[in-house]
Amino acid sequence: MAHSSGGGSHAGGAHYSSHGSNSENMVPPISRHPYIGAHHYVYYAAGGEPVDYYYKGTPKKPDLKGMVIGLIIVTAIAIPLLIFCFCNCRFYPEKTEVSSYDSSIVISDSTGLLDNEEELRQAIEDFRDETGVTLSVEIISKSEVRWYEDLEDYAYNEYERLFRDEKHWLFVVAYPENTAKDGNVNWDWEGMIGDDLGDTIGESSEDRMTDLVQNALEETKPGEVGEALVSAFSAFEKEAMETRMETPLVFLTIVIGLAYLCLIVGMVSQHFEESHLYEAYLSEKENACGTEIPASEEAQTEGQNGTAGESR
C-alpha cells in the first residue's frame, strides 16, 4: 500500500517519510589497581619494567584456541554484514517500466488557484519520461479534509480511490476556503507514494522531493501553486536518476565497522592481559610472592590512592 513520502505546512515546516547491578559484580576480574580481596602479581615486561596486576581468585592459563575461534566467529558475522552495507550504500535508481501500469496523470483543482495546468502536466510528463514514475496533483480546500483525521489520512484515501497500482506519486495541497491568489495563508500539503517505487525513488529521494516542494511553496503565493510544483518537479527530475548515497546504510556501515574493530582489539587485548597475569602468577607462585589484600585494610587501600598493603 502507498505510504507518506513527506509533507509540510506554511507554519510548521516539512516532515519526512514515515516509514540494576551491585558493587560485587562491578569488581573487575583483572585490574591494574588494587581492590579488596585481590591478589597482587607483578609481570615483568621485555625491558624489565614491572607491571602490577590485581586479581581475585586463581589465574588460569589463557585459552588461545577459544580466542581464535571467537575471532573467527565474529569475523564470519561482521565481514558479510560490512560487505552488504558497503555495496548498498550507493543507491542506483532503476527506471520504472511505464507499460507495467496505468500511467494516467491526475490533476485536479477545486480552489481555482491553479492557472498553469498545461505547464504542470508537461512537467509531470517530462518527469515520467525520465523516471517512469507518474506524478499527480490535487489542490483542495481544507474544508474537504474535515471528515478525515488529518491531511495524510485524506491523501492516502485519495491514492486508494484514484489508483489501482503502487507506482504513482500523489501530491495534495490544501488551502483555506476562499483563499485569494495573493493571500498570505496557512497551507498544508502531503505526498503519497506507491510502495512499488522503491527501486526508483529511494528514501533519501523522498526527503529531497519533500524539501523541494516545501521550499517552493514557501516562496510563492497561493496563486502560484502551479509554478511552485513545476519548479520542484523539474528540479528533482534533473537529479532523480543520479547515483546517490543512502545515509542510513552509510551510518550502519560505520557503526558495524567500529564495533567489529573494538571487539577484535578488546578480545586480543584481554588475551594478552590474561597471559601476562598468568605468567606473573607462575613467577610469584614459585617465589611465594602472591599476597591477598585483607578486607581490614580497605581504608588504607583507599587512602593511599590504590596502594595495597602487602605482607611479605
C-alpha atoms as a PDB file:
ATOM      1  CA  MET A   1       0.000   0.000   0.000  1.00  0.00           C
ATOM      2  CA  ALA A   2       1.072   3.584  -0.521  1.00  0.00           C
ATOM      3  CA  HIS A   3       2.863   5.472   2.225  1.00  0.00           C
ATOM      4  CA  SER A   4       3.557   9.082   3.029  1.00  0.00           C
ATOM      5  CA  SER A   5       6.625  10.481   1.264  1.00  0.00           C
ATOM      6  CA  GLY A   6       6.562  13.600   3.438  1.00  0.00           C
ATOM      7  CA  GLY A   7       4.639  16.802   3.678  1.00  0.00           C
ATOM      8  CA  GLY A   8       4.567  20.162   5.339  1.00  0.00           C
ATOM      9  CA  SER A   9       2.737  23.345   6.116  1.00  0.00           C
ATOM     10  CA  HIS A  10       3.159  27.102   5.960  1.00  0.00           C
ATOM     11  CA  ALA A  11       3.645  27.343   9.722  1.00  0.00           C
ATOM     12  CA  GLY A  12       5.109  24.024  10.766  1.00  0.00           C
ATOM     13  CA  GLY A  13       7.794  23.312   8.157  1.00  0.00           C
ATOM     14  CA  ALA A  14       8.341  19.970   6.463  1.00  0.00           C
ATOM     15  CA  HIS A  15       8.028  16.434   7.824  1.00  0.00           C
ATOM     16  CA  TYR A  16       9.637  13.478   6.164  1.00  0.00           C
ATOM     17  CA  SER A  17       8.659   9.962   5.121  1.00  0.00           C
ATOM     18  CA  SER A  18       7.254   7.692   7.804  1.00  0.00           C
ATOM     19  CA  HIS A  19       8.499   4.865   7.476  1.00  0.00           C
ATOM     20  CA  GLY A  20      20.265  -2.785  38.102  1.00  0.00           C
ATOM     21  CA  SER A  21      23.782  -4.129  39.472  1.00  0.00           C
ATOM     22  CA  ASN A  22      25.644  -4.405  42.745  1.00  0.00           C
ATOM     23  CA  SER A  23      29.192  -3.443  43.712  1.00  0.00           C
ATOM     24  CA  GLU A  24      30.383  -7.037  43.809  1.00  0.00           C
ATOM     25  CA  ASN A  25      29.504  -7.609  40.183  1.00  0.00           C
ATOM     26  CA  MET A  26      31.341  -4.416  39.275  1.00  0.00           C
ATOM     27  CA  VAL A  27      34.685  -5.641  40.647  1.00  0.00           C
ATOM     28  CA  PRO A  28      36.996  -6.156  37.661  1.00  0.00           C
ATOM     29  CA  PRO A  29      38.410  -9.693  37.334  1.00  0.00           C
ATOM     30  CA  ILE A  30      41.764  -8.307  36.173  1.00  0.00           C
ATOM     31  CA  SER A  31      42.793  -4.836  37.248  1.00  0.00           C
ATOM     32  CA  ARG A  32      45.856  -2.615  37.287  1.00  0.00           C
ATOM     33  CA  HIS A  33      44.603  -1.133  40.563  1.00  0.00           C
ATOM     34  CA  PRO A  34      44.146  -2.860  43.922  1.00  0.00           C
ATOM     35  CA  TYR A  35      40.722  -3.800  45.199  1.00  0.00           C
ATOM     36  CA  ILE A  36      39.558  -5.647  48.283  1.00  0.00           C
ATOM     37  CA  GLY A  37      40.237  -9.372  48.263  1.00  0.00           C
ATOM     38  CA  ALA A  38      42.529  -9.200  45.244  1.00  0.00           C
ATOM     39  CA  HIS A  39      45.961 -10.782  44.922  1.00  0.00           C
ATOM     40  CA  HIS A  40      48.857  -8.655  43.769  1.00  0.00           C
ATOM     41  CA  TYR A  41      51.022 -10.054  40.972  1.00  0.00           C
ATOM     42  CA  VAL A  42      53.915  -8.470  39.141  1.00  0.00           C
ATOM     43  CA  TYR A  43      54.615  -9.116  35.482  1.00  0.00           C
ATOM     44  CA  TYR A  44      57.974  -8.033  34.098  1.00  0.00           C
ATOM     45  CA  ALA A  45      57.820  -6.698  30.551  1.00  0.00           C
ATOM     46  CA  ALA A  46      60.518  -7.281  27.939  1.00  0.00           C
ATOM     47  CA  GLY A  47      62.529  -4.290  29.141  1.00  0.00           C
ATOM     48  CA  GLY A  48      62.343  -5.437  32.749  1.00  0.00           C
ATOM     49  CA  GLU A  49      59.677  -2.870  33.667  1.00  0.00           C
ATOM     50  CA  PRO A  50      57.298  -4.221  36.328  1.00  0.00           C
ATOM     51  CA  VAL A  51      53.562  -4.198  35.601  1.00  0.00           C
ATOM     52  CA  ASP A  52      51.165  -4.616  38.521  1.00  0.00           C
ATOM     53  CA  TYR A  53      48.132  -6.863  38.216  1.00  0.00           C
ATOM     54  CA  TYR A  54      45.398  -7.467  40.779  1.00  0.00           C
ATOM     55  CA  TYR A  55      43.167 -10.469  40.524  1.00  0.00           C
ATOM     56  CA  LYS A  56      40.595 -12.076  42.806  1.00  0.00           C
ATOM     57  CA  GLY A  57      40.977 -15.831  42.516  1.00  0.00           C
ATOM     58  CA  THR A  58      43.482 -18.144  40.911  1.00  0.00           C
ATOM     59  CA  PRO A  59      44.619 -17.095  37.440  1.00  0.00           C
ATOM     60  CA  LYS A  60      44.167 -19.713  34.749  1.00  0.00           C
ATOM     61  CA  LYS A  61      46.085 -20.318  31.577  1.00  0.00           C
ATOM     62  CA  PRO A  62      44.522 -18.283  28.751  1.00  0.00           C
ATOM     63  CA  ASP A  63      42.538 -20.228  26.195  1.00  0.00           C
ATOM     64  CA  LEU A  64      44.292 -19.331  22.944  1.00  0.00           C
ATOM     65  CA  LYS A  65      42.203 -21.769  20.949  1.00  0.00           C
ATOM     66  CA  GLY A  66      38.991 -20.295  22.326  1.00  0.00           C
ATOM     67  CA  MET A  67      40.107 -16.768  21.448  1.00  0.00           C
ATOM     68  CA  VAL A  68      40.946 -17.795  17.884  1.00  0.00           C
ATOM     69  CA  ILE A  69      37.568 -19.498  17.482  1.00  0.00           C
ATOM     70  CA  GLY A  70      35.882 -16.377  18.857  1.00  0.00           C
ATOM     71  CA  LEU A  71      37.735 -14.172  16.388  1.00  0.00           C
ATOM     72  CA  ILE A  72      36.731 -16.438  13.511  1.00  0.00           C
ATOM     73  CA  ILE A  73      33.056 -16.381  14.545  1.00  0.00           C
ATOM     74  CA  VAL A  74      32.991 -12.594  14.975  1.00  0.00           C
ATOM     75  CA  THR A  75      34.742 -12.090  11.637  1.00  0.00           C
ATOM     76  CA  ALA A  76      32.404 -14.517   9.874  1.00  0.00           C
ATOM     77  CA  ILE A  77      29.432 -12.461  11.060  1.00  0.00           C
ATOM     78  CA  ALA A  78      30.856  -8.957  10.689  1.00  0.00           C
ATOM     79  CA  ILE A  79      32.561  -9.156   7.292  1.00  0.00           C
ATOM     80  CA  PRO A  80      29.458 -10.247   5.293  1.00  0.00           C
ATOM     81  CA  LEU A  81      27.441  -7.514   7.032  1.00  0.00           C
ATOM     82  CA  LEU A  82      30.079  -4.931   6.175  1.00  0.00           C
ATOM     83  CA  ILE A  83      30.215  -6.092   2.550  1.00  0.00           C
ATOM     84  CA  PHE A  84      26.413  -5.982   2.258  1.00  0.00           C
ATOM     85  CA  CYS A  85      26.151  -2.498   3.773  1.00  0.00           C
ATOM     86  CA  PHE A  86      29.075  -1.162   1.756  1.00  0.00           C
ATOM     87  CA  CYS A  87      27.666  -2.484  -1.529  1.00  0.00           C
ATOM     88  CA  ASN A  88      24.269  -0.971  -0.780  1.00  0.00           C
ATOM     89  CA  CYS A  89      25.485   2.403   0.488  1.00  0.00           C
ATOM     90  CA  ARG A  90      25.114   3.670  -3.052  1.00  0.00           C
ATOM     91  CA  PHE A  91      21.589   3.720  -4.438  1.00  0.00           C
ATOM     92  CA  TYR A  92      21.350   3.066  -8.172  1.00  0.00           C
ATOM     93  CA  PRO A  93      17.890   4.153  -9.358  1.00  0.00           C
ATOM     94  CA  GLU A  94      16.177   1.865 -11.865  1.00  0.00           C
ATOM     95  CA  LYS A  95      13.664   3.429 -14.216  1.00  0.00           C
ATOM     96  CA  THR A  96      10.125   2.200 -13.618  1.00  0.00           C
ATOM     97  CA  GLU A  97       8.582   0.487 -16.646  1.00  0.00           C
ATOM     98  CA  VAL A  98       5.718   2.772 -17.687  1.00  0.00           C
ATOM     99  CA  SER A  99       3.996  -0.023 -19.621  1.00  0.00           C
ATOM    100  CA  SER A 100       3.673  -2.061 -16.421  1.00  0.00           C
ATOM    101  CA  TYR A 101       0.845   0.092 -15.025  1.00  0.00           C
ATOM    102  CA  ASP A 102      -1.828   2.632 -15.918  1.00  0.00           C
ATOM    103  CA  SER A 103       0.290   5.793 -16.033  1.00  0.00           C
ATOM    104  CA  SER A 104      -2.630   8.211 -16.279  1.00  0.00           C
ATOM    105  CA  ILE A 105      -1.952  11.671 -14.859  1.00  0.00           C
ATOM    106  CA  VAL A 106      -4.460  13.205 -12.439  1.00  0.00           C
ATOM    107  CA  ILE A 107      -4.533  16.977 -11.973  1.00  0.00           C
ATOM    108  CA  SER A 108      -7.483  18.466 -10.119  1.00  0.00           C
ATOM    109  CA  ASP A 109      -8.144  21.870  -8.542  1.00  0.00           C
ATOM    110  CA  SER A 110     -11.240  22.696  -6.529  1.00  0.00           C
ATOM    111  CA  THR A 111      -9.909  26.095  -5.369  1.00  0.00           C
ATOM    112  CA  GLY A 112      -9.391  27.970  -8.625  1.00  0.00           C
ATOM    113  CA  LEU A 113      -5.786  28.725  -7.656  1.00  0.00           C
ATOM    114  CA  LEU A 114      -4.164  26.642 -10.405  1.00  0.00           C
ATOM    115  CA  ASP A 115      -3.652  28.698 -13.557  1.00  0.00           C
ATOM    116  CA  ASN A 116      -0.940  26.739 -15.401  1.00  0.00           C
ATOM    117  CA  GLU A 117      -2.350  23.226 -15.718  1.00  0.00           C
ATOM    118  CA  GLU A 118      -0.792  22.599 -19.116  1.00  0.00           C
ATOM    119  CA  GLU A 119       2.668  23.630 -17.916  1.00  0.00           C
ATOM    120  CA  LEU A 120       2.236  21.416 -14.851  1.00  0.00           C
ATOM    121  CA  ARG A 121       1.099  18.479 -16.983  1.00  0.00           C
ATOM    122  CA  GLN A 122       4.136  18.897 -19.237  1.00  0.00           C
ATOM    123  CA  ALA A 123       6.458  18.902 -16.212  1.00  0.00           C
ATOM    124  CA  ILE A 124       4.813  15.707 -14.971  1.00  0.00           C
ATOM    125  CA  GLU A 125       5.156  14.064 -18.392  1.00  0.00           C
ATOM    126  CA  ASP A 126       8.835  15.016 -18.528  1.00  0.00           C
ATOM    127  CA  PHE A 127       9.310  13.524 -15.079  1.00  0.00           C
ATOM    128  CA  ARG A 128       7.562  10.314 -16.179  1.00  0.00           C
ATOM    129  CA  ASP A 129       9.730  10.085 -19.292  1.00  0.00           C
ATOM    130  CA  GLU A 130      12.860  10.399 -17.173  1.00  0.00           C
ATOM    131  CA  THR A 131      11.942   8.118 -14.251  1.00  0.00           C
ATOM    132  CA  GLY A 132       8.902   6.075 -15.279  1.00  0.00           C
ATOM    133  CA  VAL A 133       7.076   7.435 -12.212  1.00  0.00           C
ATOM    134  CA  THR A 134       3.756   9.240 -12.692  1.00  0.00           C
ATOM    135  CA  LEU A 135       3.149  12.291 -10.532  1.00  0.00           C
ATOM    136  CA  SER A 136      -0.357  13.554  -9.844  1.00  0.00           C
ATOM    137  CA  VAL A 137      -1.645  16.689  -8.118  1.00  0.00           C
ATOM    138  CA  GLU A 138      -4.756  17.672  -6.184  1.00  0.00           C
ATOM    139  CA  ILE A 139      -5.298  21.212  -4.953  1.00  0.00           C
ATOM    140  CA  ILE A 140      -8.145  21.310  -2.474  1.00  0.00           C
ATOM    141  CA  SER A 141      -9.846  23.404   0.146  1.00  0.00           C
ATOM    142  CA  LYS A 142      -9.165  22.491   3.758  1.00  0.00           C
ATOM    143  CA  SER A 143     -12.897  22.075   4.205  1.00  0.00           C
ATOM    144  CA  GLU A 144     -12.644  18.879   2.133  1.00  0.00           C
ATOM    145  CA  VAL A 145     -10.402  17.341   4.792  1.00  0.00           C
ATOM    146  CA  ARG A 146     -12.737  17.944   7.730  1.00  0.00           C
ATOM    147  CA  TRP A 147     -14.054  14.354   7.682  1.00  0.00           C
ATOM    148  CA  TYR A 148     -10.550  12.950   7.994  1.00  0.00           C
ATOM    149  CA  GLU A 149      -8.162  12.815  10.915  1.00  0.00           C
ATOM    150  CA  ASP A 150      -5.526  14.783   9.016  1.00  0.00           C
ATOM    151  CA  LEU A 151      -4.288  15.550   5.508  1.00  0.00           C
ATOM    152  CA  GLU A 152      -2.120  12.423   5.402  1.00  0.00           C
ATOM    153  CA  ASP A 153      -5.210  10.286   6.010  1.00  0.00           C
ATOM    154  CA  TYR A 154      -7.052  12.170   3.250  1.00  0.00           C
ATOM    155  CA  ALA A 155      -4.148  11.761   0.798  1.00  0.00           C
ATOM    156  CA  TYR A 156      -3.955   8.041   1.481  1.00  0.00           C
ATOM    157  CA  ASN A 157      -7.655   7.581   0.795  1.00  0.00           C
ATOM    158  CA  GLU A 158      -7.391   9.645  -2.382  1.00  0.00           C
ATOM    159  CA  TYR A 159      -4.489   7.484  -3.585  1.00  0.00           C
ATOM    160  CA  GLU A 160      -6.524   4.327  -2.971  1.00  0.00           C
ATOM    161  CA  ARG A 161      -9.513   5.850  -4.765  1.00  0.00           C
ATOM    162  CA  LEU A 162      -7.616   7.102  -7.813  1.00  0.00           C
ATOM    163  CA  PHE A 163      -5.055   4.393  -8.486  1.00  0.00           C
ATOM    164  CA  ARG A 164      -5.023   0.599  -8.657  1.00  0.00           C
ATOM    165  CA  ASP A 165      -1.254   0.394  -8.655  1.00  0.00           C
ATOM    166  CA  GLU A 166       1.657   1.345  -6.403  1.00  0.00           C
ATOM    167  CA  LYS A 167       3.569   3.352  -8.993  1.00  0.00           C
ATOM    168  CA  HIS A 168       2.061   6.829  -8.705  1.00  0.00           C
ATOM    169  CA  TRP A 169       3.225   9.725  -6.573  1.00  0.00           C
ATOM    170  CA  LEU A 170       0.324  11.911  -5.453  1.00  0.00           C
ATOM    171  CA  PHE A 171       0.707  15.432  -4.072  1.00  0.00           C
ATOM    172  CA  VAL A 172      -2.200  17.056  -2.240  1.00  0.00           C
ATOM    173  CA  VAL A 173      -2.027  20.777  -1.412  1.00  0.00           C
ATOM    174  CA  ALA A 174      -4.732  22.212   0.870  1.00  0.00           C
ATOM    175  CA  TYR A 175      -5.596  25.908   1.256  1.00  0.00           C
ATOM    176  CA  PRO A 176      -8.187  27.580   3.486  1.00  0.00           C
ATOM    177  CA  GLU A 177     -11.565  28.083   1.856  1.00  0.00           C
ATOM    178  CA  ASN A 178     -11.877  31.162  -0.395  1.00  0.00           C
ATOM    179  CA  THR A 179      -8.129  31.826  -0.405  1.00  0.00           C
ATOM    180  CA  ALA A 180      -7.144  34.798  -2.568  1.00  0.00           C
ATOM    181  CA  LYS A 181      -4.417  34.202  -5.136  1.00  0.00           C
ATOM    182  CA  ASP A 182      -2.198  36.810  -3.488  1.00  0.00           C
ATOM    183  CA  GLY A 183      -3.218  35.917   0.046  1.00  0.00           C
ATOM    184  CA  ASN A 184      -0.891  35.059   2.922  1.00  0.00           C
ATOM    185  CA  VAL A 185      -2.483  31.960   4.416  1.00  0.00           C
ATOM    186  CA  ASN A 186      -1.546  28.804   6.249  1.00  0.00           C
ATOM    187  CA  TRP A 187      -1.492  25.943   3.752  1.00  0.00           C
ATOM    188  CA  ASP A 188      -0.659  22.257   4.145  1.00  0.00           C
ATOM    189  CA  TRP A 189       0.494  19.614   1.706  1.00  0.00           C
ATOM    190  CA  GLU A 190       1.118  15.873   1.703  1.00  0.00           C
ATOM    191  CA  GLY A 191       2.852  13.458  -0.652  1.00  0.00           C
ATOM    192  CA  MET A 192       1.676   9.852  -1.008  1.00  0.00           C
ATOM    193  CA  ILE A 193       3.937   7.469  -2.920  1.00  0.00           C
ATOM    194  CA  GLY A 194       3.323   3.902  -4.101  1.00  0.00           C
ATOM    195  CA  ASP A 195       5.328   1.147  -2.407  1.00  0.00           C
ATOM    196  CA  ASP A 196       6.481  -0.370  -5.734  1.00  0.00           C
ATOM    197  CA  LEU A 197       8.718   2.614  -6.481  1.00  0.00           C
ATOM    198  CA  GLY A 198      11.487   1.663  -4.068  1.00  0.00           C
ATOM    199  CA  ASP A 199      13.887   0.761  -6.899  1.00  0.00           C
ATOM    200  CA  THR A 200      13.425   4.185  -8.492  1.00  0.00           C
ATOM    201  CA  ILE A 201      12.725   6.549  -5.615  1.00  0.00           C
ATOM    202  CA  GLY A 202      14.753   5.764  -2.503  1.00  0.00           C
ATOM    203  CA  GLU A 203      14.077   7.157   0.962  1.00  0.00           C
ATOM    204  CA  SER A 204      16.665   9.888   0.543  1.00  0.00           C
ATOM    205  CA  SER A 205      14.951  10.922  -2.708  1.00  0.00           C
ATOM    206  CA  GLU A 206      11.598  11.171  -0.969  1.00  0.00           C
ATOM    207  CA  ASP A 207      13.184  13.513   1.557  1.00  0.00           C
ATOM    208  CA  ARG A 208      14.807  15.518  -1.223  1.00  0.00           C
ATOM    209  CA  MET A 209      11.484  15.984  -3.012  1.00  0.00           C
ATOM    210  CA  THR A 210       9.882  16.965   0.295  1.00  0.00           C
ATOM    211  CA  ASP A 211      12.435  19.745   0.717  1.00  0.00           C
ATOM    212  CA  LEU A 212      11.981  20.970  -2.861  1.00  0.00           C
ATOM    213  CA  VAL A 213       8.174  21.131  -2.649  1.00  0.00           C
ATOM    214  CA  GLN A 214       8.197  22.725   0.806  1.00  0.00           C
ATOM    215  CA  ASN A 215      10.678  25.415  -0.210  1.00  0.00           C
ATOM    216  CA  ALA A 216       8.883  26.142  -3.487  1.00  0.00           C
ATOM    217  CA  LEU A 217       5.529  26.593  -1.741  1.00  0.00           C
ATOM    218  CA  GLU A 218       7.059  28.801   0.942  1.00  0.00           C
ATOM    219  CA  GLU A 219       8.499  31.119  -1.691  1.00  0.00           C
ATOM    220  CA  THR A 220       5.269  31.630  -3.677  1.00  0.00           C
ATOM    221  CA  LYS A 221       1.751  32.988  -3.240  1.00  0.00           C
ATOM    222  CA  PRO A 222      -1.300  30.675  -3.385  1.00  0.00           C
ATOM    223  CA  GLY A 223      -1.997  31.755  -6.959  1.00  0.00           C
ATOM    224  CA  GLU A 224       1.462  30.491  -7.926  1.00  0.00           C
ATOM    225  CA  VAL A 225       0.999  26.979  -6.551  1.00  0.00           C
ATOM    226  CA  GLY A 226       1.263  25.535 -10.060  1.00  0.00           C
ATOM    227  CA  GLU A 227       4.535  27.340 -10.719  1.00  0.00           C
ATOM    228  CA  ALA A 228       5.862  26.145  -7.353  1.00  0.00           C
ATOM    229  CA  LEU A 229       5.127  22.499  -8.161  1.00  0.00           C
ATOM    230  CA  VAL A 230       6.594  22.801 -11.656  1.00  0.00           C
ATOM    231  CA  SER A 231       9.759  24.239 -10.147  1.00  0.00           C
ATOM    232  CA  ALA A 232      10.051  21.443  -7.572  1.00  0.00           C
ATOM    233  CA  PHE A 233       9.272  18.613 -10.022  1.00  0.00           C
ATOM    234  CA  SER A 234      11.674  19.953 -12.652  1.00  0.00           C
ATOM    235  CA  ALA A 235      14.476  20.400 -10.136  1.00  0.00           C
ATOM    236  CA  PHE A 236      14.053  16.858  -8.839  1.00  0.00           C
ATOM    237  CA  GLU A 237      13.837  15.411 -12.362  1.00  0.00           C
ATOM    238  CA  LYS A 238      17.408  16.573 -13.053  1.00  0.00           C
ATOM    239  CA  GLU A 239      18.799  14.533 -10.160  1.00  0.00           C
ATOM    240  CA  ALA A 240      16.237  11.744  -9.789  1.00  0.00           C
ATOM    241  CA  MET A 241      18.219   9.085 -11.669  1.00  0.00           C
ATOM    242  CA  GLU A 242      21.627  10.020 -10.275  1.00  0.00           C
ATOM    243  CA  THR A 243      23.516   7.539  -8.123  1.00  0.00           C
ATOM    244  CA  ARG A 244      23.385   8.734  -4.540  1.00  0.00           C
ATOM    245  CA  MET A 245      24.432   7.722  -1.057  1.00  0.00           C
ATOM    246  CA  GLU A 246      21.861   6.274   1.315  1.00  0.00           C
ATOM    247  CA  THR A 247      22.747   7.898   4.655  1.00  0.00           C
ATOM    248  CA  PRO A 248      21.235   5.209   6.940  1.00  0.00           C
ATOM    249  CA  LEU A 249      23.361   2.468   5.360  1.00  0.00           C
ATOM    250  CA  VAL A 250      26.484   4.621   5.421  1.00  0.00           C
ATOM    251  CA  PHE A 251      25.929   5.194   9.133  1.00  0.00           C
ATOM    252  CA  LEU A 252      25.234   1.480   9.703  1.00  0.00           C
ATOM    253  CA  THR A 253      28.432   0.527   7.871  1.00  0.00           C
ATOM    254  CA  ILE A 254      30.480   2.840  10.086  1.00  0.00           C
ATOM    255  CA  VAL A 255      28.823   1.536  13.259  1.00  0.00           C
ATOM    256  CA  ILE A 256      29.371  -2.124  12.328  1.00  0.00           C
ATOM    257  CA  GLY A 257      32.971  -1.436  11.292  1.00  0.00           C
ATOM    258  CA  LEU A 258      33.799   0.364  14.521  1.00  0.00           C
ATOM    259  CA  ALA A 259      32.043  -2.273  16.635  1.00  0.00           C
ATOM    260  CA  TYR A 260      33.967  -5.040  14.856  1.00  0.00           C
ATOM    261  CA  LEU A 261      37.277  -3.230  15.314  1.00  0.00           C
ATOM    262  CA  CYS A 262      36.632  -2.539  19.006  1.00  0.00           C
ATOM    263  CA  LEU A 263      35.590  -6.155  19.615  1.00  0.00           C
ATOM    264  CA  ILE A 264      38.690  -7.566  17.927  1.00  0.00           C
ATOM    265  CA  VAL A 265      41.007  -5.195  19.787  1.00  0.00           C
ATOM    266  CA  GLY A 266      39.234  -5.970  23.057  1.00  0.00           C
ATOM    267  CA  MET A 267      39.475  -9.736  22.611  1.00  0.00           C
ATOM    268  CA  VAL A 268      43.173  -9.629  21.696  1.00  0.00           C
ATOM    269  CA  SER A 269      43.948  -7.173  24.490  1.00  0.00           C
ATOM    270  CA  GLN A 270      42.084  -9.333  27.010  1.00  0.00           C
ATOM    271  CA  HIS A 271      44.069 -12.382  25.899  1.00  0.00           C
ATOM    272  CA  PHE A 272      47.387 -10.591  26.413  1.00  0.00           C
ATOM    273  CA  GLU A 273      46.250  -9.338  29.824  1.00  0.00           C
ATOM    274  CA  GLU A 274      45.359 -12.883  30.872  1.00  0.00           C
ATOM    275  CA  SER A 275      48.656 -14.195  29.514  1.00  0.00           C
ATOM    276  CA  HIS A 276      50.679 -11.627  31.436  1.00  0.00           C
ATOM    277  CA  LEU A 277      48.697 -12.265  34.583  1.00  0.00           C
ATOM    278  CA  TYR A 278      49.219 -15.999  34.291  1.00  0.00           C
ATOM    279  CA  GLU A 279      52.964 -15.564  33.775  1.00  0.00           C
ATOM    280  CA  ALA A 280      53.089 -13.298  36.821  1.00  0.00           C
ATOM    281  CA  TYR A 281      51.101 -15.860  38.802  1.00  0.00           C
ATOM    282  CA  LEU A 282      53.521 -18.659  37.904  1.00  0.00           C
ATOM    283  CA  SER A 283      56.502 -16.475  38.755  1.00  0.00           C
ATOM    284  CA  GLU A 284      55.118 -15.313  42.095  1.00  0.00           C
ATOM    285  CA  LYS A 285      53.951 -18.800  42.917  1.00  0.00           C
ATOM    286  CA  GLU A 286      57.498 -20.005  42.550  1.00  0.00           C
ATOM    287  CA  ASN A 287      58.733 -17.191  44.775  1.00  0.00           C
ATOM    288  CA  ALA A 288      55.710 -17.246  47.117  1.00  0.00           C
ATOM    289  CA  CYS A 289      55.138 -13.560  46.429  1.00  0.00           C
ATOM    290  CA  GLY A 290      51.424 -13.548  45.697  1.00  0.00           C
ATOM    291  CA  THR A 291      49.610 -11.869  48.590  1.00  0.00           C
ATOM    292  CA  GLU A 292      45.925 -11.119  49.224  1.00  0.00           C
ATOM    293  CA  ILE A 293      44.753  -7.674  50.241  1.00  0.00           C
ATOM    294  CA  PRO A 294      42.856  -8.147  53.535  1.00  0.00           C
ATOM    295  CA  ALA A 295      39.434  -6.581  53.851  1.00  0.00           C
ATOM    296  CA  SER A 296      40.570  -4.898  57.082  1.00  0.00           C
ATOM    297  CA  GLU A 297      42.993  -2.783  55.063  1.00  0.00           C
ATOM    298  CA  GLU A 298      40.251  -1.227  52.927  1.00  0.00           C
ATOM    299  CA  ALA A 299      40.667   2.217  54.467  1.00  0.00           C
ATOM    300  CA  GLN A 300      44.403   2.122  53.960  1.00  0.00           C
ATOM    301  CA  THR A 301      43.959   1.000  50.340  1.00  0.00           C
ATOM    302  CA  GLU A 302      41.608   3.862  49.517  1.00  0.00           C
ATOM    303  CA  GLY A 303      43.669   6.428  51.408  1.00  0.00           C
ATOM    304  CA  GLN A 304      46.868   5.620  49.530  1.00  0.00           C
ATOM    305  CA  ASN A 305      45.272   6.019  46.078  1.00  0.00           C
ATOM    306  CA  GLY A 306      45.348   2.394  45.118  1.00  0.00           C
ATOM    307  CA  THR A 307      48.410   1.185  47.050  1.00  0.00           C
ATOM    308  CA  ALA A 308      47.532  -2.130  48.725  1.00  0.00           C
ATOM    309  CA  GLY A 309      49.096  -3.277  51.955  1.00  0.00           C
ATOM    310  CA  GLU A 310      51.333  -6.221  51.358  1.00  0.00           C
ATOM    311  CA  SER A 311      52.761  -8.765  53.767  1.00  0.00           C
ATOM    312  CA  ARG A 312      55.991 -10.271  52.677  1.00  0.00           C
END
